[in-house]
PDB file of N, CA and C in Angstrom:
ATOM      1  N   UNK A   1     -17.687   4.466  12.159  1.00  0.00           N
ATOM      2  CA  UNK A   1     -16.657   5.540  12.947  1.00  0.00           C
ATOM      3  C   UNK A   1     -17.342   5.209  14.641  1.00  0.00           C
ATOM      4  N   UNK A   2     -16.550   5.531  15.437  1.00  0.00           N
ATOM      5  CA  UNK A   2     -16.626   5.632  16.907  1.00  0.00           C
ATOM      6  C   UNK A   2     -16.811   6.945  17.637  1.00  0.00           C
ATOM      7  N   UNK A   3     -17.646   7.433  18.618  1.00  0.00           N
ATOM      8  CA  UNK A   3     -17.258   8.628  19.310  1.00  0.00           C
ATOM      9  C   UNK A   3     -16.819   8.332  20.468  1.00  0.00           C
ATOM     10  N   UNK A   4     -15.797   9.368  20.542  1.00  0.00           N
ATOM     11  CA  UNK A   4     -14.917   8.738  21.983  1.00  0.00           C
ATOM     12  C   UNK A   4     -14.631  10.394  22.797  1.00  0.00           C
ATOM     13  N   UNK A   5     -14.863  10.260  23.748  1.00  0.00           N
ATOM     14  CA  UNK A   5     -14.546  11.988  24.455  1.00  0.00           C
ATOM     15  C   UNK A   5     -13.447  11.523  24.960  1.00  0.00           C
ATOM     16  N   UNK A   6     -12.031  10.719  24.567  1.00  0.00           N
ATOM     17  CA  UNK A   6     -10.674  10.864  24.926  1.00  0.00           C
ATOM     18  C   UNK A   6     -10.233  11.697  23.908  1.00  0.00           C
ATOM     19  N   UNK A   7      -9.062  13.104  24.552  1.00  0.00           N
ATOM     20  CA  UNK A   7      -9.178  13.944  23.775  1.00  0.00           C
ATOM     21  C   UNK A   7      -7.592  13.394  22.919  1.00  0.00           C
ATOM     22  N   UNK A   8      -7.417  12.935  22.923  1.00  0.00           N
ATOM     23  CA  UNK A   8      -6.175  11.540  22.121  1.00  0.00           C
ATOM     24  C   UNK A   8      -6.477  10.456  21.793  1.00  0.00           C
ATOM     25  N   UNK A   9      -7.599  10.732  21.501  1.00  0.00           N
ATOM     26  CA  UNK A   9      -8.361   9.517  20.067  1.00  0.00           C
ATOM     27  C   UNK A   9      -8.452   9.998  19.011  1.00  0.00           C
ATOM     28  N   UNK A  10      -7.469   9.519  17.937  1.00  0.00           N
ATOM     29  CA  UNK A  10      -7.292   9.488  16.904  1.00  0.00           C
ATOM     30  C   UNK A  10      -7.542   8.405  15.715  1.00  0.00           C
ATOM     31  N   UNK A  11      -8.838   8.431  15.268  1.00  0.00           N
ATOM     32  CA  UNK A  11      -9.854   7.404  14.427  1.00  0.00           C
ATOM     33  C   UNK A  11      -8.555   7.254  13.212  1.00  0.00           C
ATOM     34  N   UNK A  12      -8.423   5.586  13.112  1.00  0.00           N
ATOM     35  CA  UNK A  12      -7.792   5.091  11.978  1.00  0.00           C
ATOM     36  C   UNK A  12      -8.473   4.341  11.207  1.00  0.00           C
ATOM     37  N   UNK A  13      -8.448   5.223   9.711  1.00  0.00           N
ATOM     38  CA  UNK A  13      -9.642   4.826   8.542  1.00  0.00           C
ATOM     39  C   UNK A  13      -8.580   3.723   8.146  1.00  0.00           C
ATOM     40  N   UNK A  14      -9.472   2.839   7.880  1.00  0.00           N
ATOM     41  CA  UNK A  14      -8.892   1.575   6.963  1.00  0.00           C
ATOM     42  C   UNK A  14      -8.800   1.972   6.001  1.00  0.00           C
ATOM     43  N   UNK A  15      -7.650   2.017   4.796  1.00  0.00           N
ATOM     44  CA  UNK A  15      -6.951   2.575   3.923  1.00  0.00           C
ATOM     45  C   UNK A  15      -7.256   1.112   2.855  1.00  0.00           C
ATOM     46  N   UNK A  16      -8.173   1.148   1.625  1.00  0.00           N
ATOM     47  CA  UNK A  16      -8.481  -0.155   0.377  1.00  0.00           C
ATOM     48  C   UNK A  16      -7.095   0.182   0.278  1.00  0.00           C
ATOM     49  N   UNK A  17      -6.115  -0.901   0.074  1.00  0.00           N
ATOM     50  CA  UNK A  17      -5.411  -1.468  -0.654  1.00  0.00           C
ATOM     51  C   UNK A  17      -5.537  -1.686  -2.183  1.00  0.00           C
ATOM     52  N   UNK A  18      -4.947  -1.608  -3.081  1.00  0.00           N
ATOM     53  CA  UNK A  18      -4.974  -1.839  -4.385  1.00  0.00           C
ATOM     54  C   UNK A  18      -3.857  -3.212  -4.427  1.00  0.00           C
ATOM     55  N   UNK A  19      -4.667  -4.156  -5.319  1.00  0.00           N
ATOM     56  CA  UNK A  19      -3.841  -5.190  -5.384  1.00  0.00           C
ATOM     57  C   UNK A  19      -2.522  -5.023  -6.387  1.00  0.00           C
ATOM     58  N   UNK A  20      -1.816  -5.390  -5.570  1.00  0.00           N
ATOM     59  CA  UNK A  20      -0.356  -5.439  -6.731  1.00  0.00           C
ATOM     60  C   UNK A  20      -0.343  -6.301  -8.515  1.00  0.00           C
ATOM     61  N   UNK A  21      -0.047  -4.957  -9.202  1.00  0.00           N
ATOM     62  CA  UNK A  21       0.059  -5.422 -10.200  1.00  0.00           C
ATOM     63  C   UNK A  21       1.115  -6.775 -10.871  1.00  0.00           C
ATOM     64  N   UNK A  22       0.297  -7.581 -11.729  1.00  0.00           N
ATOM     65  CA  UNK A  22       0.506  -9.022 -12.069  1.00  0.00           C
ATOM     66  C   UNK A  22       1.247  -8.925 -13.084  1.00  0.00           C
ATOM     67  N   UNK A  23       2.139  -9.850 -13.512  1.00  0.00           N
ATOM     68  CA  UNK A  23       3.009  -9.571 -14.612  1.00  0.00           C
ATOM     69  C   UNK A  23       2.129  -9.543 -15.846  1.00  0.00           C
ATOM     70  N   UNK A  24       2.751  -9.151 -16.954  1.00  0.00           N
ATOM     71  CA  UNK A  24       1.730  -9.549 -18.294  1.00  0.00           C
ATOM     72  C   UNK A  24       1.204 -11.416 -18.412  1.00  0.00           C
ATOM     73  N   UNK A  25       1.994 -11.595 -18.511  1.00  0.00           N
ATOM     74  CA  UNK A  25       2.085 -13.564 -18.329  1.00  0.00           C
ATOM     75  C   UNK A  25       1.124 -14.096 -17.520  1.00  0.00           C
ATOM     76  N   UNK A  26       0.670 -13.253 -16.395  1.00  0.00           N
ATOM     77  CA  UNK A  26       0.106 -13.884 -15.472  1.00  0.00           C
ATOM     78  C   UNK A  26      -1.329 -13.137 -15.150  1.00  0.00           C
ATOM     79  N   UNK A  27      -1.977 -12.346 -16.224  1.00  0.00           N
ATOM     80  CA  UNK A  27      -2.741 -11.587 -16.849  1.00  0.00           C
ATOM     81  C   UNK A  27      -3.995 -12.648 -17.108  1.00  0.00           C
ATOM     82  N   UNK A  28      -5.118 -12.013 -16.891  1.00  0.00           N
ATOM     83  CA  UNK A  28      -6.093 -13.413 -17.905  1.00  0.00           C
ATOM     84  C   UNK A  28      -6.888 -11.816 -18.565  1.00  0.00           C
ATOM     85  N   UNK A  29      -7.233 -11.563 -19.340  1.00  0.00           N
ATOM     86  CA  UNK A  29      -7.596 -10.225 -20.139  1.00  0.00           C
ATOM     87  C   UNK A  29      -8.666 -10.741 -21.124  1.00  0.00           C
ATOM     88  N   UNK A  30     -10.040  -9.991 -20.944  1.00  0.00           N
ATOM     89  CA  UNK A  30     -10.812 -10.513 -22.092  1.00  0.00           C
ATOM     90  C   UNK A  30     -11.092  -9.325 -22.721  1.00  0.00           C
ATOM     91  N   UNK A  31     -10.744  -9.301 -24.422  1.00  0.00           N
ATOM     92  CA  UNK A  31     -10.900  -8.481 -25.190  1.00  0.00           C
ATOM     93  C   UNK A  31     -12.713  -8.695 -25.735  1.00  0.00           C
ATOM     94  N   UNK A  32     -13.543  -7.700 -25.904  1.00  0.00           N
ATOM     95  CA  UNK A  32     -14.656  -7.876 -26.628  1.00  0.00           C
ATOM     96  C   UNK A  32     -15.378  -6.500 -27.101  1.00  0.00           C
ATOM     97  N   UNK A  33     -16.218  -6.829 -27.905  1.00  0.00           N
ATOM     98  CA  UNK A  33     -17.118  -5.566 -28.370  1.00  0.00           C
ATOM     99  C   UNK A  33     -18.450  -5.480 -28.194  1.00  0.00           C
ATOM    100  N   UNK A  34     -18.596  -3.852 -27.881  1.00  0.00           N
ATOM    101  CA  UNK A  34     -19.968  -3.729 -26.785  1.00  0.00           C
ATOM    102  C   UNK A  34     -20.507  -2.404 -27.441  1.00  0.00           C
ATOM    103  N   UNK A  35     -21.606  -2.626 -27.575  1.00  0.00           N
ATOM    104  CA  UNK A  35     -22.463  -1.172 -27.742  1.00  0.00           C
ATOM    105  C   UNK A  35     -23.588  -0.903 -27.148  1.00  0.00           C
ATOM    106  N   UNK A  36     -23.720  -1.736 -26.309  1.00  0.00           N
ATOM    107  CA  UNK A  36     -24.847  -1.805 -25.652  1.00  0.00           C
ATOM    108  C   UNK A  36     -25.336  -0.438 -24.456  1.00  0.00           C
ATOM    109  N   UNK A  37     -26.242   0.570 -24.698  1.00  0.00           N
ATOM    110  CA  UNK A  37     -26.242   1.476 -23.565  1.00  0.00           C
ATOM    111  C   UNK A  37     -25.208   2.551 -23.797  1.00  0.00           C
ATOM    112  N   UNK A  38     -24.796   2.382 -25.421  1.00  0.00           N
ATOM    113  CA  UNK A  38     -23.958   3.666 -25.290  1.00  0.00           C
ATOM    114  C   UNK A  38     -24.650   4.432 -26.657  1.00  0.00           C
ATOM    115  N   UNK A  39     -25.652   4.427 -27.184  1.00  0.00           N
ATOM    116  CA  UNK A  39     -25.935   5.167 -28.148  1.00  0.00           C
ATOM    117  C   UNK A  39     -25.826   4.914 -29.553  1.00  0.00           C
ATOM    118  N   UNK A  40     -25.461   3.193 -29.754  1.00  0.00           N
ATOM    119  CA  UNK A  40     -25.250   2.465 -30.990  1.00  0.00           C
ATOM    120  C   UNK A  40     -23.726   3.070 -30.794  1.00  0.00           C
ATOM    121  N   UNK A  41     -23.015   3.887 -30.239  1.00  0.00           N
ATOM    122  CA  UNK A  41     -21.318   3.855 -30.441  1.00  0.00           C
ATOM    123  C   UNK A  41     -21.075   2.287 -30.126  1.00  0.00           C
ATOM    124  N   UNK A  42     -20.349   1.449 -31.293  1.00  0.00           N
ATOM    125  CA  UNK A  42     -19.465   0.741 -30.912  1.00  0.00           C
ATOM    126  C   UNK A  42     -17.936   0.742 -29.703  1.00  0.00           C
ATOM    127  N   UNK A  43     -17.805   0.010 -28.597  1.00  0.00           N
ATOM    128  CA  UNK A  43     -16.386   0.012 -27.790  1.00  0.00           C
ATOM    129  C   UNK A  43     -15.515  -1.189 -27.307  1.00  0.00           C
ATOM    130  N   UNK A  44     -14.577  -0.628 -27.726  1.00  0.00           N
ATOM    131  CA  UNK A  44     -13.752  -2.485 -27.594  1.00  0.00           C
ATOM    132  C   UNK A  44     -13.385  -2.131 -26.045  1.00  0.00           C
ATOM    133  N   UNK A  45     -13.775  -3.566 -25.345  1.00  0.00           N
ATOM    134  CA  UNK A  45     -13.787  -3.400 -23.944  1.00  0.00           C
ATOM    135  C   UNK A  45     -12.546  -4.606 -23.809  1.00  0.00           C
ATOM    136  N   UNK A  46     -11.682  -3.786 -23.024  1.00  0.00           N
ATOM    137  CA  UNK A  46     -10.714  -5.008 -22.042  1.00  0.00           C
ATOM    138  C   UNK A  46     -10.800  -5.061 -20.733  1.00  0.00           C
ATOM    139  N   UNK A  47     -10.931  -6.463 -20.335  1.00  0.00           N
ATOM    140  CA  UNK A  47     -11.403  -6.662 -18.752  1.00  0.00           C
ATOM    141  C   UNK A  47     -10.814  -7.688 -18.367  1.00  0.00           C
ATOM    142  N   UNK A  48     -10.660  -7.792 -16.946  1.00  0.00           N
ATOM    143  CA  UNK A  48      -9.758  -8.468 -16.420  1.00  0.00           C
ATOM    144  C   UNK A  48      -8.493  -8.392 -15.772  1.00  0.00           C
ATOM    145  N   UNK A  49      -7.908  -7.069 -15.803  1.00  0.00           N
ATOM    146  CA  UNK A  49      -6.959  -6.391 -15.359  1.00  0.00           C
ATOM    147  C   UNK A  49      -6.656  -6.301 -13.992  1.00  0.00           C
ATOM    148  N   UNK A  50      -5.916  -6.899 -13.464  1.00  0.00           N
ATOM    149  CA  UNK A  50      -5.098  -6.979 -12.165  1.00  0.00           C
ATOM    150  C   UNK A  50      -4.160  -6.174 -11.945  1.00  0.00           C
ATOM    151  N   UNK A  51      -4.376  -5.524 -11.204  1.00  0.00           N
ATOM    152  CA  UNK A  51      -3.327  -4.298 -10.570  1.00  0.00           C
ATOM    153  C   UNK A  51      -3.929  -2.862 -10.160  1.00  0.00           C
ATOM    154  N   UNK A  52      -2.516  -1.898 -10.004  1.00  0.00           N
ATOM    155  CA  UNK A  52      -2.626  -0.698  -9.410  1.00  0.00           C
ATOM    156  C   UNK A  52      -3.605   0.055 -10.792  1.00  0.00           C
ATOM    157  N   UNK A  53      -4.051   0.903 -10.040  1.00  0.00           N
ATOM    158  CA  UNK A  53      -4.969   2.181 -10.929  1.00  0.00           C
ATOM    159  C   UNK A  53      -4.403   2.988 -12.223  1.00  0.00           C
ATOM    160  N   UNK A  54      -2.678   3.026 -11.532  1.00  0.00           N
ATOM    161  CA  UNK A  54      -1.535   3.798 -12.074  1.00  0.00           C
ATOM    162  C   UNK A  54      -1.156   3.011 -13.330  1.00  0.00           C
ATOM    163  N   UNK A  55      -1.290   1.509 -12.856  1.00  0.00           N
ATOM    164  CA  UNK A  55      -0.868   0.831 -14.205  1.00  0.00           C
ATOM    165  C   UNK A  55      -1.837   0.457 -15.290  1.00  0.00           C
ATOM    166  N   UNK A  56      -3.283   0.695 -14.686  1.00  0.00           N
ATOM    167  CA  UNK A  56      -4.136   0.108 -16.057  1.00  0.00           C
ATOM    168  C   UNK A  56      -4.104   1.540 -16.665  1.00  0.00           C
ATOM    169  N   UNK A  57      -3.839   2.634 -16.300  1.00  0.00           N
ATOM    170  CA  UNK A  57      -4.281   3.833 -17.170  1.00  0.00           C
ATOM    171  C   UNK A  57      -2.963   3.603 -18.272  1.00  0.00           C
ATOM    172  N   UNK A  58      -1.689   3.443 -17.441  1.00  0.00           N
ATOM    173  CA  UNK A  58      -0.748   2.993 -18.522  1.00  0.00           C
ATOM    174  C   UNK A  58      -0.815   2.207 -19.692  1.00  0.00           C
ATOM    175  N   UNK A  59      -1.450   0.947 -19.256  1.00  0.00           N
ATOM    176  CA  UNK A  59      -1.586   0.401 -20.329  1.00  0.00           C
ATOM    177  C   UNK A  59      -2.457   0.690 -21.325  1.00  0.00           C
ATOM    178  N   UNK A  60      -3.752   1.380 -20.987  1.00  0.00           N
ATOM    179  CA  UNK A  60      -5.078   2.099 -21.553  1.00  0.00           C
ATOM    180  C   UNK A  60      -3.990   3.442 -22.366  1.00  0.00           C
ATOM    181  N   UNK A  61      -3.132   4.070 -21.901  1.00  0.00           N
ATOM    182  CA  UNK A  61      -2.748   5.171 -22.437  1.00  0.00           C
ATOM    183  C   UNK A  61      -1.912   3.995 -23.690  1.00  0.00           C
ATOM    184  N   UNK A  62      -1.009   3.023 -23.518  1.00  0.00           N
ATOM    185  CA  UNK A  62      -0.334   2.593 -24.479  1.00  0.00           C
ATOM    186  C   UNK A  62      -1.274   1.897 -25.771  1.00  0.00           C
ATOM    187  N   UNK A  63      -2.279   1.238 -25.768  1.00  0.00           N
ATOM    188  CA  UNK A  63      -3.526   0.504 -26.185  1.00  0.00           C
ATOM    189  C   UNK A  63      -4.220   1.861 -27.048  1.00  0.00           C
ATOM    190  N   UNK A  64      -4.158   2.987 -26.661  1.00  0.00           N
ATOM    191  CA  UNK A  64      -4.732   3.727 -27.331  1.00  0.00           C
ATOM    192  C   UNK A  64      -3.777   4.662 -28.540  1.00  0.00           C
ATOM    193  N   UNK A  65      -2.475   4.657 -28.045  1.00  0.00           N
ATOM    194  CA  UNK A  65      -1.340   4.828 -28.569  1.00  0.00           C
ATOM    195  C   UNK A  65      -1.418   4.310 -29.998  1.00  0.00           C
ATOM    196  N   UNK A  66      -1.165   2.603 -29.629  1.00  0.00           N
ATOM    197  CA  UNK A  66      -1.171   1.726 -30.484  1.00  0.00           C
ATOM    198  C   UNK A  66      -2.062   1.779 -31.774  1.00  0.00           C
ATOM    199  N   UNK A  67      -3.626   1.442 -30.866  1.00  0.00           N
ATOM    200  CA  UNK A  67      -4.663   1.659 -32.288  1.00  0.00           C
ATOM    201  C   UNK A  67      -4.927   3.090 -32.716  1.00  0.00           C
ATOM    202  N   UNK A  68      -4.431   4.272 -31.825  1.00  0.00           N
ATOM    203  CA  UNK A  68      -4.882   5.505 -33.084  1.00  0.00           C
ATOM    204  C   UNK A  68      -6.020   6.274 -32.281  1.00  0.00           C
ATOM    205  N   UNK A  69      -6.953   5.758 -31.296  1.00  0.00           N
ATOM    206  CA  UNK A  69      -7.926   5.725 -30.983  1.00  0.00           C
ATOM    207  C   UNK A  69      -8.000   6.600 -29.551  1.00  0.00           C
ATOM    208  N   UNK A  70      -9.668   7.369 -29.116  1.00  0.00           N
ATOM    209  CA  UNK A  70      -9.882   7.439 -27.915  1.00  0.00           C
ATOM    210  C   UNK A  70     -10.258   6.569 -27.115  1.00  0.00           C
ATOM    211  N   UNK A  71      -9.947   6.801 -25.908  1.00  0.00           N
ATOM    212  CA  UNK A  71     -10.267   6.254 -24.615  1.00  0.00           C
ATOM    213  C   UNK A  71     -10.704   6.202 -23.550  1.00  0.00           C
ATOM    214  N   UNK A  72     -10.780   5.247 -22.245  1.00  0.00           N
ATOM    215  CA  UNK A  72     -10.435   5.719 -21.244  1.00  0.00           C
ATOM    216  C   UNK A  72     -10.044   4.312 -20.298  1.00  0.00           C
ATOM    217  N   UNK A  73     -10.345   4.384 -19.234  1.00  0.00           N
ATOM    218  CA  UNK A  73      -9.677   3.262 -17.942  1.00  0.00           C
ATOM    219  C   UNK A  73     -10.554   4.279 -16.848  1.00  0.00           C
ATOM    220  N   UNK A  74     -11.093   3.079 -15.922  1.00  0.00           N
ATOM    221  CA  UNK A  74     -12.142   2.942 -15.439  1.00  0.00           C
ATOM    222  C   UNK A  74     -12.757   1.969 -14.818  1.00  0.00           C
ATOM    223  N   UNK A  75     -12.731   1.726 -13.153  1.00  0.00           N
ATOM    224  CA  UNK A  75     -13.290   0.655 -13.159  1.00  0.00           C
ATOM    225  C   UNK A  75     -12.799  -0.958 -13.519  1.00  0.00           C
ATOM    226  N   UNK A  76     -11.447  -0.874 -13.609  1.00  0.00           N
ATOM    227  CA  UNK A  76     -10.889  -1.976 -13.695  1.00  0.00           C
ATOM    228  C   UNK A  76     -10.959  -2.227 -15.195  1.00  0.00           C
ATOM    229  N   UNK A  77     -11.702  -1.469 -15.744  1.00  0.00           N
ATOM    230  CA  UNK A  77     -11.873  -1.668 -17.284  1.00  0.00           C
ATOM    231  C   UNK A  77     -10.779  -0.987 -18.447  1.00  0.00           C
ATOM    232  N   UNK A  78     -10.379  -1.182 -19.401  1.00  0.00           N
ATOM    233  CA  UNK A  78     -10.289  -0.093 -20.601  1.00  0.00           C
ATOM    234  C   UNK A  78     -11.817  -0.038 -21.544  1.00  0.00           C
ATOM    235  N   UNK A  79     -11.800   1.089 -22.016  1.00  0.00           N
ATOM    236  CA  UNK A  79     -12.690   1.518 -22.787  1.00  0.00           C
ATOM    237  C   UNK A  79     -12.048   2.129 -23.677  1.00  0.00           C
ATOM    238  N   UNK A  80     -12.169   1.248 -25.402  1.00  0.00           N
ATOM    239  CA  UNK A  80     -11.714   2.255 -26.589  1.00  0.00           C
ATOM    240  C   UNK A  80     -12.506   1.873 -27.677  1.00  0.00           C
ATOM    241  N   UNK A  81     -12.797   3.520 -28.439  1.00  0.00           N
ATOM    242  CA  UNK A  81     -13.428   3.773 -29.180  1.00  0.00           C
ATOM    243  C   UNK A  81     -13.572   2.976 -30.008  1.00  0.00           C
ATOM    244  N   UNK A  82     -14.567   2.555 -30.709  1.00  0.00           N
ATOM    245  CA  UNK A  82     -14.220   1.031 -32.377  1.00  0.00           C
ATOM    246  C   UNK A  82     -14.362  -0.034 -31.954  1.00  0.00           C
ATOM    247  N   UNK A  83     -14.422  -0.633 -32.911  1.00  0.00           N
ATOM    248  CA  UNK A  83     -14.351  -1.720 -32.913  1.00  0.00           C
ATOM    249  C   UNK A  83     -12.252  -2.324 -33.165  1.00  0.00           C
ATOM    250  N   UNK A  84     -11.660  -2.282 -32.340  1.00  0.00           N
ATOM    251  CA  UNK A  84      -9.710  -2.517 -32.369  1.00  0.00           C
ATOM    252  C   UNK A  84     -10.140  -3.533 -31.927  1.00  0.00           C
ATOM    253  N   UNK A  85     -10.681  -4.692 -31.945  1.00  0.00           N
ATOM    254  CA  UNK A  85      -9.920  -5.429 -31.290  1.00  0.00           C
ATOM    255  C   UNK A  85      -8.897  -6.223 -32.085  1.00  0.00           C
ATOM    256  N   UNK A  86      -8.916  -6.397 -33.363  1.00  0.00           N
ATOM    257  CA  UNK A  86      -7.482  -6.599 -33.737  1.00  0.00           C
ATOM    258  C   UNK A  86      -6.471  -6.484 -33.247  1.00  0.00           C
ATOM    259  N   UNK A  87      -6.615  -5.442 -33.206  1.00  0.00           N
ATOM    260  CA  UNK A  87      -5.267  -4.071 -32.902  1.00  0.00           C
ATOM    261  C   UNK A  87      -4.964  -4.244 -31.776  1.00  0.00           C
ATOM    262  N   UNK A  88      -6.346  -4.374 -31.163  1.00  0.00           N
ATOM    263  CA  UNK A  88      -5.760  -4.448 -29.280  1.00  0.00           C
ATOM    264  C   UNK A  88      -4.876  -5.827 -29.345  1.00  0.00           C
ATOM    265  N   UNK A  89      -5.516  -6.987 -29.836  1.00  0.00           N
ATOM    266  CA  UNK A  89      -5.327  -8.540 -29.370  1.00  0.00           C
ATOM    267  C   UNK A  89      -3.728  -8.272 -29.722  1.00  0.00           C
ATOM    268  N   UNK A  90      -3.349  -8.066 -30.907  1.00  0.00           N
ATOM    269  CA  UNK A  90      -1.725  -7.710 -31.610  1.00  0.00           C
ATOM    270  C   UNK A  90      -1.054  -7.185 -30.420  1.00  0.00           C
ATOM    271  N   UNK A  91      -1.285  -5.901 -30.409  1.00  0.00           N
ATOM    272  CA  UNK A  91      -0.501  -5.152 -29.090  1.00  0.00           C
ATOM    273  C   UNK A  91      -0.766  -5.981 -27.800  1.00  0.00           C
ATOM    274  N   UNK A  92      -1.524  -6.675 -27.283  1.00  0.00           N
ATOM    275  CA  UNK A  92      -1.494  -7.101 -26.090  1.00  0.00           C
ATOM    276  C   UNK A  92      -0.459  -8.689 -26.424  1.00  0.00           C
ATOM    277  N   UNK A  93      -0.422  -9.240 -27.491  1.00  0.00           N
ATOM    278  CA  UNK A  93      -0.359 -10.497 -27.565  1.00  0.00           C
ATOM    279  C   UNK A  93       1.719 -10.302 -27.658  1.00  0.00           C
ATOM    280  N   UNK A  94       1.845  -9.030 -28.662  1.00  0.00           N
ATOM    281  CA  UNK A  94       3.299  -8.402 -28.337  1.00  0.00           C
ATOM    282  C   UNK A  94       3.897  -8.264 -26.974  1.00  0.00           C
ATOM    283  N   UNK A  95       3.036  -7.627 -26.429  1.00  0.00           N
ATOM    284  CA  UNK A  95       3.267  -7.497 -24.793  1.00  0.00           C
ATOM    285  C   UNK A  95       3.723  -8.445 -23.553  1.00  0.00           C
ATOM    286  N   UNK A  96       3.182  -9.715 -24.576  1.00  0.00           N
ATOM    287  CA  UNK A  96       3.024 -10.629 -23.534  1.00  0.00           C
ATOM    288  C   UNK A  96       1.778 -11.222 -22.661  1.00  0.00           C
ATOM    289  N   UNK A  97       0.743 -10.653 -23.057  1.00  0.00           N
ATOM    290  CA  UNK A  97      -0.347 -10.727 -22.227  1.00  0.00           C
ATOM    291  C   UNK A  97      -1.521 -12.032 -22.513  1.00  0.00           C
ATOM    292  N   UNK A  98      -1.544 -12.318 -21.143  1.00  0.00           N
ATOM    293  CA  UNK A  98      -2.333 -13.523 -21.667  1.00  0.00           C
ATOM    294  C   UNK A  98      -4.152 -13.044 -21.663  1.00  0.00           C
ATOM    295  N   UNK A  99      -4.813 -13.421 -22.899  1.00  0.00           N
ATOM    296  CA  UNK A  99      -5.859 -13.060 -23.215  1.00  0.00           C
ATOM    297  C   UNK A  99      -7.199 -13.578 -23.969  1.00  0.00           C
ATOM    298  N   UNK A 100      -8.076 -13.688 -23.819  1.00  0.00           N
ATOM    299  CA  UNK A 100      -8.918 -13.903 -24.717  1.00  0.00           C
ATOM    300  C   UNK A 100      -9.822 -13.538 -25.230  1.00  0.00           C
ATOM    301  N   UNK A 101     -10.024 -13.440 -26.607  1.00  0.00           N
ATOM    302  CA  UNK A 101     -11.018 -12.806 -27.557  1.00  0.00           C
ATOM    303  C   UNK A 101     -12.636 -13.173 -27.837  1.00  0.00           C
ATOM    304  N   UNK A 102     -13.409 -12.196 -27.475  1.00  0.00           N
ATOM    305  CA  UNK A 102     -14.707 -12.643 -26.910  1.00  0.00           C
ATOM    306  C   UNK A 102     -15.551 -11.563 -27.671  1.00  0.00           C
ATOM    307  N   UNK A 103     -16.629 -11.867 -27.920  1.00  0.00           N
ATOM    308  CA  UNK A 103     -17.805 -11.074 -28.809  1.00  0.00           C
ATOM    309  C   UNK A 103     -18.206 -10.844 -30.094  1.00  0.00           C
ATOM    310  N   UNK A 104     -17.915 -12.062 -30.785  1.00  0.00           N
ATOM    311  CA  UNK A 104     -18.546 -12.057 -31.837  1.00  0.00           C
ATOM    312  C   UNK A 104     -16.980 -11.791 -32.764  1.00  0.00           C
TER     313      UNK A 104
END
């Protein structure tokens, strides 16, 4: 930010734009299991989603409903409680997403 003595000066903030959501067939998702740093609790992580936060949260909600568990979407990842990789992969395949299963 720059200081200006001009009373008509209006600083323009550069707004960070969200990437446009790719269609499911062009997404390249990774589905993996993790328990490090979570007090021994296992979670399923879906990462690699390219799109808006709203679309990420919508996909998270669908996955949570389909798997019957809790979870959250943050920082471009979907965290699902427990090891539900099979159900998550089944859902993503049905919806037409490209993905790879990782993590044992």
